[in-house]
Amino acid sequence: MTQNDQQYEFSEFSGKFLDDDVTVILRIYRPAGTNLDWMLEVLDEEGNTTVWNDPFDTDREAFEEFLATVQRDGIRSFLDEPVQNLH
């Protein structure tokens, strides 16, 4: 199976997130049928992506990191650059 054929399991924490009149799509996922760590990705309204380089042990940890980033840097921080990689 190639990477493009890979199926993903999405966390219940995934979905649209609205703050300060900005909507982003939060994606927390891992390969379907596995117990691998969770990946965290945020897509802005223009389709630009911010991806965390390091996976998370649980989907809750990934969601909490997203919330901490919004609280610390603001939701608009996801609009600054077309592609961002965070640690």
PDB file of N, CA and C in Angstrom:
ATOM      1  N   MET A   1       0.844  -1.177   0.000  1.00  0.00           N
ATOM      2  CA  MET A   1       0.000   0.000   0.000  1.00  0.00           C
ATOM      3  C   MET A   1       0.888   1.238   0.000  1.00  0.00           C
ATOM      4  N   THR A   2       0.646   2.148  -0.918  1.00  0.00           N
ATOM      5  CA  THR A   2       1.422   3.369  -0.967  1.00  0.00           C
ATOM      6  C   THR A   2       0.878   4.369   0.039  1.00  0.00           C
ATOM      7  N   GLN A   3       1.661   5.403   0.294  1.00  0.00           N
ATOM      8  CA  GLN A   3       1.246   6.419   1.253  1.00  0.00           C
ATOM      9  C   GLN A   3      -0.066   7.077   0.816  1.00  0.00           C
ATOM     10  N   ASN A   4      -0.259   7.270  -0.480  1.00  0.00           N
ATOM     11  CA  ASN A   4      -1.485   7.885  -0.984  1.00  0.00           C
ATOM     12  C   ASN A   4      -2.708   7.000  -0.756  1.00  0.00           C
ATOM     13  N   ASP A   5      -2.500   5.677  -0.653  1.00  0.00           N
ATOM     14  CA  ASP A   5      -3.592   4.741  -0.434  1.00  0.00           C
ATOM     15  C   ASP A   5      -3.937   4.586   1.049  1.00  0.00           C
ATOM     16  N   GLN A   6      -3.118   5.136   1.921  1.00  0.00           N
ATOM     17  CA  GLN A   6      -3.293   4.979   3.360  1.00  0.00           C
ATOM     18  C   GLN A   6      -4.629   5.553   3.818  1.00  0.00           C
ATOM     19  N   GLN A   7      -5.346   4.798   4.630  1.00  0.00           N
ATOM     20  CA  GLN A   7      -6.587   5.253   5.235  1.00  0.00           C
ATOM     21  C   GLN A   7      -6.271   5.777   6.635  1.00  0.00           C
ATOM     22  N   TYR A   8      -7.017   6.789   7.070  1.00  0.00           N
ATOM     23  CA  TYR A   8      -6.753   7.402   8.365  1.00  0.00           C
ATOM     24  C   TYR A   8      -7.966   7.349   9.267  1.00  0.00           C
ATOM     25  N   GLU A   9      -7.696   7.258  10.538  1.00  0.00           N
ATOM     26  CA  GLU A   9      -8.704   7.353  11.589  1.00  0.00           C
ATOM     27  C   GLU A   9      -8.599   8.771  12.148  1.00  0.00           C
ATOM     28  N   PHE A  10      -9.711   9.489  12.168  1.00  0.00           N
ATOM     29  CA  PHE A  10      -9.714  10.857  12.667  1.00  0.00           C
ATOM     30  C   PHE A  10     -10.296  10.893  14.071  1.00  0.00           C
ATOM     31  N   SER A  11      -9.663  11.669  14.918  1.00  0.00           N
ATOM     32  CA  SER A  11     -10.109  11.837  16.297  1.00  0.00           C
ATOM     33  C   SER A  11     -11.438  12.582  16.347  1.00  0.00           C
ATOM     34  N   GLU A  12     -12.188  12.350  17.414  1.00  0.00           N
ATOM     35  CA  GLU A  12     -13.411  13.101  17.645  1.00  0.00           C
ATOM     36  C   GLU A  12     -13.125  14.580  17.897  1.00  0.00           C
ATOM     37  N   PHE A  13     -11.875  14.925  18.190  1.00  0.00           N
ATOM     38  CA  PHE A  13     -11.486  16.322  18.385  1.00  0.00           C
ATOM     39  C   PHE A  13     -11.283  17.055  17.058  1.00  0.00           C
ATOM     40  N   SER A  14     -11.248  16.338  15.964  1.00  0.00           N
ATOM     41  CA  SER A  14     -11.080  16.948  14.642  1.00  0.00           C
ATOM     42  C   SER A  14     -12.347  17.701  14.255  1.00  0.00           C
ATOM     43  N   GLY A  15     -12.175  18.746  13.435  1.00  0.00           N
ATOM     44  CA  GLY A  15     -13.330  19.488  12.941  1.00  0.00           C
ATOM     45  C   GLY A  15     -13.022  20.961  12.809  1.00  0.00           C
ATOM     46  N   LYS A  16     -14.061  21.736  12.556  1.00  0.00           N
ATOM     47  CA  LYS A  16     -13.902  23.183  12.416  1.00  0.00           C
ATOM     48  C   LYS A  16     -13.742  23.820  13.781  1.00  0.00           C
ATOM     49  N   PHE A  17     -12.892  24.848  13.828  1.00  0.00           N
ATOM     50  CA  PHE A  17     -12.638  25.586  15.056  1.00  0.00           C
ATOM     51  C   PHE A  17     -12.701  27.063  14.716  1.00  0.00           C
ATOM     52  N   LEU A  18     -13.548  27.804  15.413  1.00  0.00           N
ATOM     53  CA  LEU A  18     -13.750  29.231  15.159  1.00  0.00           C
ATOM     54  C   LEU A  18     -13.300  30.035  16.365  1.00  0.00           C
ATOM     55  N   ASP A  19     -12.473  31.054  16.109  1.00  0.00           N
ATOM     56  CA  ASP A  19     -12.023  31.962  17.162  1.00  0.00           C
ATOM     57  C   ASP A  19     -11.645  33.282  16.500  1.00  0.00           C
ATOM     58  N   ASP A  20     -12.018  34.396  17.104  1.00  0.00           N
ATOM     59  CA  ASP A  20     -11.647  35.721  16.609  1.00  0.00           C
ATOM     60  C   ASP A  20     -12.015  35.889  15.131  1.00  0.00           C
ATOM     61  N   ASP A  21     -13.183  35.396  14.736  1.00  0.00           N
ATOM     62  CA  ASP A  21     -13.696  35.463  13.361  1.00  0.00           C
ATOM     63  C   ASP A  21     -12.831  34.721  12.340  1.00  0.00           C
ATOM     64  N   VAL A  22     -12.012  33.808  12.806  1.00  0.00           N
ATOM     65  CA  VAL A  22     -11.187  32.981  11.925  1.00  0.00           C
ATOM     66  C   VAL A  22     -11.602  31.527  12.128  1.00  0.00           C
ATOM     67  N   THR A  23     -11.852  30.833  11.020  1.00  0.00           N
ATOM     68  CA  THR A  23     -12.189  29.414  11.069  1.00  0.00           C
ATOM     69  C   THR A  23     -11.031  28.610  10.500  1.00  0.00           C
ATOM     70  N   VAL A  24     -10.621  27.592  11.235  1.00  0.00           N
ATOM     71  CA  VAL A  24      -9.609  26.650  10.749  1.00  0.00           C
ATOM     72  C   VAL A  24     -10.199  25.252  10.872  1.00  0.00           C
ATOM     73  N   ILE A  25      -9.603  24.332  10.141  1.00  0.00           N
ATOM     74  CA  ILE A  25     -10.000  22.926  10.238  1.00  0.00           C
ATOM     75  C   ILE A  25      -8.887  22.199  10.977  1.00  0.00           C
ATOM     76  N   LEU A  26      -9.262  21.611  12.068  1.00  0.00           N
ATOM     77  CA  LEU A  26      -8.337  20.869  12.917  1.00  0.00           C
ATOM     78  C   LEU A  26      -8.414  19.399  12.537  1.00  0.00           C
ATOM     79  N   ARG A  27      -7.262  18.819  12.212  1.00  0.00           N
ATOM     80  CA  ARG A  27      -7.199  17.399  11.851  1.00  0.00           C
ATOM     81  C   ARG A  27      -6.243  16.700  12.806  1.00  0.00           C
ATOM     82  N   ILE A  28      -6.776  15.762  13.566  1.00  0.00           N
ATOM     83  CA  ILE A  28      -5.975  14.920  14.443  1.00  0.00           C
ATOM     84  C   ILE A  28      -6.233  13.500  13.960  1.00  0.00           C
ATOM     85  N   TYR A  29      -5.174  12.816  13.503  1.00  0.00           N
ATOM     86  CA  TYR A  29      -5.374  11.534  12.832  1.00  0.00           C
ATOM     87  C   TYR A  29      -4.182  10.607  13.007  1.00  0.00           C
ATOM     88  N   ARG A  30      -4.440   9.340  12.676  1.00  0.00           N
ATOM     89  CA  ARG A  30      -3.394   8.318  12.647  1.00  0.00           C
ATOM     90  C   ARG A  30      -3.818   7.270  11.625  1.00  0.00           C
ATOM     91  N   PRO A  31      -2.886   6.430  11.189  1.00  0.00           N
ATOM     92  CA  PRO A  31      -3.271   5.385  10.243  1.00  0.00           C
ATOM     93  C   PRO A  31      -4.374   4.507  10.839  1.00  0.00           C
ATOM     94  N   ALA A  32      -5.391   4.231  10.035  1.00  0.00           N
ATOM     95  CA  ALA A  32      -6.533   3.424  10.482  1.00  0.00           C
ATOM     96  C   ALA A  32      -6.083   2.027  10.878  1.00  0.00           C
ATOM     97  N   GLY A  33      -6.718   1.510  11.915  1.00  0.00           N
ATOM     98  CA  GLY A  33      -6.451   0.147  12.349  1.00  0.00           C
ATOM     99  C   GLY A  33      -5.149  -0.029  13.094  1.00  0.00           C
ATOM    100  N   THR A  34      -4.554   1.078  13.565  1.00  0.00           N
ATOM    101  CA  THR A  34      -3.287   0.989  14.290  1.00  0.00           C
ATOM    102  C   THR A  34      -3.436   1.643  15.665  1.00  0.00           C
ATOM    103  N   ASN A  35      -2.426   1.452  16.469  1.00  0.00           N
ATOM    104  CA  ASN A  35      -2.322   2.156  17.743  1.00  0.00           C
ATOM    105  C   ASN A  35      -1.152   3.132  17.709  1.00  0.00           C
ATOM    106  N   LEU A  36      -0.805   3.595  16.509  1.00  0.00           N
ATOM    107  CA  LEU A  36       0.291   4.544  16.364  1.00  0.00           C
ATOM    108  C   LEU A  36      -0.091   5.890  16.961  1.00  0.00           C
ATOM    109  N   ASP A  37       0.903   6.760  17.125  1.00  0.00           N
ATOM    110  CA  ASP A  37       0.670   8.083  17.683  1.00  0.00           C
ATOM    111  C   ASP A  37      -0.157   8.943  16.738  1.00  0.00           C
ATOM    112  N   TRP A  38      -0.704  10.013  17.279  1.00  0.00           N
ATOM    113  CA  TRP A  38      -1.592  10.916  16.554  1.00  0.00           C
ATOM    114  C   TRP A  38      -0.831  12.089  15.953  1.00  0.00           C
ATOM    115  N   MET A  39      -1.199  12.467  14.742  1.00  0.00           N
ATOM    116  CA  MET A  39      -0.630  13.628  14.056  1.00  0.00           C
ATOM    117  C   MET A  39      -1.594  14.803  14.220  1.00  0.00           C
ATOM    118  N   LEU A  40      -1.034  16.005  14.227  1.00  0.00           N
ATOM    119  CA  LEU A  40      -1.828  17.226  14.382  1.00  0.00           C
ATOM    120  C   LEU A  40      -1.568  18.138  13.195  1.00  0.00           C
ATOM    121  N   GLU A  41      -2.651  18.571  12.566  1.00  0.00           N
ATOM    122  CA  GLU A  41      -2.577  19.416  11.374  1.00  0.00           C
ATOM    123  C   GLU A  41      -3.712  20.437  11.442  1.00  0.00           C
ATOM    124  N   VAL A  42      -3.408  21.682  11.040  1.00  0.00           N
ATOM    125  CA  VAL A  42      -4.411  22.744  10.998  1.00  0.00           C
ATOM    126  C   VAL A  42      -4.422  23.330   9.587  1.00  0.00           C
ATOM    127  N   LEU A  43      -5.613  23.406   8.995  1.00  0.00           N
ATOM    128  CA  LEU A  43      -5.777  24.001   7.667  1.00  0.00           C
ATOM    129  C   LEU A  43      -6.530  25.311   7.825  1.00  0.00           C
ATOM    130  N   ASP A  44      -6.018  26.375   7.179  1.00  0.00           N
ATOM    131  CA  ASP A  44      -6.708  27.664   7.254  1.00  0.00           C
ATOM    132  C   ASP A  44      -7.732  27.775   6.125  1.00  0.00           C
ATOM    133  N   GLU A  45      -8.398  28.917   6.070  1.00  0.00           N
ATOM    134  CA  GLU A  45      -9.466  29.123   5.089  1.00  0.00           C
ATOM    135  C   GLU A  45      -8.965  29.114   3.648  1.00  0.00           C
ATOM    136  N   GLU A  46      -7.679  29.363   3.450  1.00  0.00           N
ATOM    137  CA  GLU A  46      -7.084  29.373   2.111  1.00  0.00           C
ATOM    138  C   GLU A  46      -6.508  28.012   1.724  1.00  0.00           C
ATOM    139  N   GLY A  47      -6.565  27.053   2.631  1.00  0.00           N
ATOM    140  CA  GLY A  47      -6.020  25.728   2.350  1.00  0.00           C
ATOM    141  C   GLY A  47      -4.570  25.553   2.751  1.00  0.00           C
ATOM    142  N   ASN A  48      -3.976  26.576   3.390  1.00  0.00           N
ATOM    143  CA  ASN A  48      -2.610  26.451   3.881  1.00  0.00           C
ATOM    144  C   ASN A  48      -2.595  25.550   5.111  1.00  0.00           C
ATOM    145  N   THR A  49      -1.486  24.872   5.311  1.00  0.00           N
ATOM    146  CA  THR A  49      -1.400  23.853   6.346  1.00  0.00           C
ATOM    147  C   THR A  49      -0.303  24.147   7.354  1.00  0.00           C
ATOM    148  N   THR A  50      -0.607  23.904   8.614  1.00  0.00           N
ATOM    149  CA  THR A  50       0.381  23.899   9.684  1.00  0.00           C
ATOM    150  C   THR A  50       0.397  22.498  10.256  1.00  0.00           C
ATOM    151  N   VAL A  51       1.581  21.886  10.294  1.00  0.00           N
ATOM    152  CA  VAL A  51       1.716  20.504  10.755  1.00  0.00           C
ATOM    153  C   VAL A  51       2.750  20.459  11.876  1.00  0.00           C
ATOM    154  N   TRP A  52       2.420  19.761  12.931  1.00  0.00           N
ATOM    155  CA  TRP A  52       3.385  19.530  14.004  1.00  0.00           C
ATOM    156  C   TRP A  52       4.267  18.374  13.588  1.00  0.00           C
ATOM    157  N   ASN A  53       5.575  18.535  13.734  1.00  0.00           N
ATOM    158  CA  ASN A  53       6.525  17.492  13.328  1.00  0.00           C
ATOM    159  C   ASN A  53       6.457  16.261  14.220  1.00  0.00           C
ATOM    160  N   ASP A  54       6.243  16.477  15.500  1.00  0.00           N
ATOM    161  CA  ASP A  54       6.260  15.378  16.448  1.00  0.00           C
ATOM    162  C   ASP A  54       4.847  14.877  16.707  1.00  0.00           C
ATOM    163  N   PRO A  55       4.655  13.569  16.669  1.00  0.00           N
ATOM    164  CA  PRO A  55       3.328  13.004  16.951  1.00  0.00           C
ATOM    165  C   PRO A  55       3.023  13.053  18.448  1.00  0.00           C
ATOM    166  N   PHE A  56       1.775  12.775  18.785  1.00  0.00           N
ATOM    167  CA  PHE A  56       1.293  12.811  20.161  1.00  0.00           C
ATOM    168  C   PHE A  56       0.831  11.424  20.580  1.00  0.00           C
ATOM    169  N   ASP A  57       1.057  11.082  21.838  1.00  0.00           N
ATOM    170  CA  ASP A  57       0.653   9.776  22.356  1.00  0.00           C
ATOM    171  C   ASP A  57      -0.855   9.574  22.286  1.00  0.00           C
ATOM    172  N   THR A  58      -1.614  10.655  22.548  1.00  0.00           N
ATOM    173  CA  THR A  58      -3.072  10.552  22.535  1.00  0.00           C
ATOM    174  C   THR A  58      -3.658  11.692  21.708  1.00  0.00           C
ATOM    175  N   ASP A  59      -4.880  11.497  21.248  1.00  0.00           N
ATOM    176  CA  ASP A  59      -5.547  12.562  20.507  1.00  0.00           C
ATOM    177  C   ASP A  59      -5.853  13.748  21.424  1.00  0.00           C
ATOM    178  N   ARG A  60      -6.108  13.485  22.704  1.00  0.00           N
ATOM    179  CA  ARG A  60      -6.355  14.566  23.661  1.00  0.00           C
ATOM    180  C   ARG A  60      -5.114  15.455  23.813  1.00  0.00           C
ATOM    181  N   GLU A  61      -3.927  14.849  23.872  1.00  0.00           N
ATOM    182  CA  GLU A  61      -2.688  15.626  23.966  1.00  0.00           C
ATOM    183  C   GLU A  61      -2.526  16.525  22.740  1.00  0.00           C
ATOM    184  N   ALA A  62      -2.847  16.005  21.569  1.00  0.00           N
ATOM    185  CA  ALA A  62      -2.755  16.803  20.344  1.00  0.00           C
ATOM    186  C   ALA A  62      -3.734  17.973  20.408  1.00  0.00           C
ATOM    187  N   PHE A  63      -4.948  17.723  20.838  1.00  0.00           N
ATOM    188  CA  PHE A  63      -5.957  18.778  20.949  1.00  0.00           C
ATOM    189  C   PHE A  63      -5.532  19.835  21.968  1.00  0.00           C
ATOM    190  N   GLU A  64      -5.002  19.402  23.093  1.00  0.00           N
ATOM    191  CA  GLU A  64      -4.544  20.347  24.115  1.00  0.00           C
ATOM    192  C   GLU A  64      -3.391  21.206  23.601  1.00  0.00           C
ATOM    193  N   GLU A  65      -2.504  20.620  22.794  1.00  0.00           N
ATOM    194  CA  GLU A  65      -1.415  21.401  22.190  1.00  0.00           C
ATOM    195  C   GLU A  65      -1.970  22.448  21.236  1.00  0.00           C
ATOM    196  N   PHE A  66      -2.973  22.074  20.449  1.00  0.00           N
ATOM    197  CA  PHE A  66      -3.615  23.041  19.562  1.00  0.00           C
ATOM    198  C   PHE A  66      -4.213  24.191  20.367  1.00  0.00           C
ATOM    199  N   LEU A  67      -4.960  23.870  21.420  1.00  0.00           N
ATOM    200  CA  LEU A  67      -5.572  24.907  22.247  1.00  0.00           C
ATOM    201  C   LEU A  67      -4.516  25.799  22.901  1.00  0.00           C
ATOM    202  N   ALA A  68      -3.428  25.211  23.368  1.00  0.00           N
ATOM    203  CA  ALA A  68      -2.342  25.983  23.978  1.00  0.00           C
ATOM    204  C   ALA A  68      -1.708  26.930  22.955  1.00  0.00           C
ATOM    205  N   THR A  69      -1.562  26.473  21.727  1.00  0.00           N
ATOM    206  CA  THR A  69      -0.998  27.314  20.665  1.00  0.00           C
ATOM    207  C   THR A  69      -1.923  28.483  20.369  1.00  0.00           C
ATOM    208  N   VAL A  70      -3.227  28.226  20.300  1.00  0.00           N
ATOM    209  CA  VAL A  70      -4.201  29.302  20.064  1.00  0.00           C
ATOM    210  C   VAL A  70      -4.162  30.298  21.206  1.00  0.00           C
ATOM    211  N   GLN A  71      -4.097  29.818  22.439  1.00  0.00           N
ATOM    212  CA  GLN A  71      -4.070  30.717  23.589  1.00  0.00           C
ATOM    213  C   GLN A  71      -2.782  31.538  23.626  1.00  0.00           C
ATOM    214  N   ARG A  72      -1.658  30.904  23.316  1.00  0.00           N
ATOM    215  CA  ARG A  72      -0.355  31.564  23.376  1.00  0.00           C
ATOM    216  C   ARG A  72      -0.127  32.512  22.195  1.00  0.00           C
ATOM    217  N   ASP A  73      -0.427  32.038  20.972  1.00  0.00           N
ATOM    218  CA  ASP A  73      -0.065  32.778  19.764  1.00  0.00           C
ATOM    219  C   ASP A  73      -1.254  33.400  19.038  1.00  0.00           C
ATOM    220  N   GLY A  74      -2.466  32.967  19.377  1.00  0.00           N
ATOM    221  CA  GLY A  74      -3.656  33.456  18.691  1.00  0.00           C
ATOM    222  C   GLY A  74      -3.979  32.615  17.471  1.00  0.00           C
ATOM    223  N   ILE A  75      -5.247  32.576  17.144  1.00  0.00           N
ATOM    224  CA  ILE A  75      -5.707  31.783  15.997  1.00  0.00           C
ATOM    225  C   ILE A  75      -5.120  32.309  14.691  1.00  0.00           C
ATOM    226  N   ARG A  76      -4.857  33.603  14.644  1.00  0.00           N
ATOM    227  CA  ARG A  76      -4.320  34.204  13.418  1.00  0.00           C
ATOM    228  C   ARG A  76      -2.886  33.769  13.129  1.00  0.00           C
ATOM    229  N   SER A  77      -2.228  33.168  14.098  1.00  0.00           N
ATOM    230  CA  SER A  77      -0.858  32.679  13.861  1.00  0.00           C
ATOM    231  C   SER A  77      -0.837  31.600  12.785  1.00  0.00           C
ATOM    232  N   PHE A  78      -1.966  30.939  12.575  1.00  0.00           N
ATOM    233  CA  PHE A  78      -2.040  29.917  11.530  1.00  0.00           C
ATOM    234  C   PHE A  78      -2.194  30.525  10.139  1.00  0.00           C
ATOM    235  N   LEU A  79      -2.422  31.831  10.067  1.00  0.00           N
ATOM    236  CA  LEU A  79      -2.598  32.503   8.787  1.00  0.00           C
ATOM    237  C   LEU A  79      -1.326  33.183   8.303  1.00  0.00           C
ATOM    238  N   ASP A  80      -0.282  33.193   9.117  1.00  0.00           N
ATOM    239  CA  ASP A  80       0.924  33.969   8.822  1.00  0.00           C
ATOM    240  C   ASP A  80       1.707  33.475   7.619  1.00  0.00           C
ATOM    241  N   GLU A  81       1.857  32.166   7.481  1.00  0.00           N
ATOM    242  CA  GLU A  81       2.687  31.608   6.414  1.00  0.00           C
ATOM    243  C   GLU A  81       1.946  30.470   5.733  1.00  0.00           C
ATOM    244  N   PRO A  82       2.228  30.235   4.443  1.00  0.00           N
ATOM    245  CA  PRO A  82       1.524  29.178   3.723  1.00  0.00           C
ATOM    246  C   PRO A  82       1.725  27.785   4.289  1.00  0.00           C
ATOM    247  N   VAL A  83       2.940  27.441   4.700  1.00  0.00           N
ATOM    248  CA  VAL A  83       3.193  26.118   5.266  1.00  0.00           C
ATOM    249  C   VAL A  83       4.083  26.305   6.494  1.00  0.00           C
ATOM    250  N   GLN A  84       3.658  25.739   7.600  1.00  0.00           N
ATOM    251  CA  GLN A  84       4.441  25.830   8.823  1.00  0.00           C
ATOM    252  C   GLN A  84       4.615  24.437   9.396  1.00  0.00           C
ATOM    253  N   ASN A  85       5.761  24.198   9.971  1.00  0.00           N
ATOM    254  CA  ASN A  85       6.004  22.967  10.707  1.00  0.00           C
ATOM    255  C   ASN A  85       6.330  23.362  12.134  1.00  0.00           C
ATOM    256  N   LEU A  86       5.617  22.801  13.090  1.00  0.00           N
ATOM    257  CA  LEU A  86       5.824  23.125  14.492  1.00  0.00           C
ATOM    258  C   LEU A  86       6.308  21.895  15.228  1.00  0.00           C
ATOM    259  N   HIS A  87       7.030  22.129  16.312  1.00  0.00           N
ATOM    260  CA  HIS A  87       7.546  21.021  17.128  1.00  0.00           C
ATOM    261  C   HIS A  87       6.672  20.816  18.320  1.00  0.00           C
TER     262      HIS A  87
END
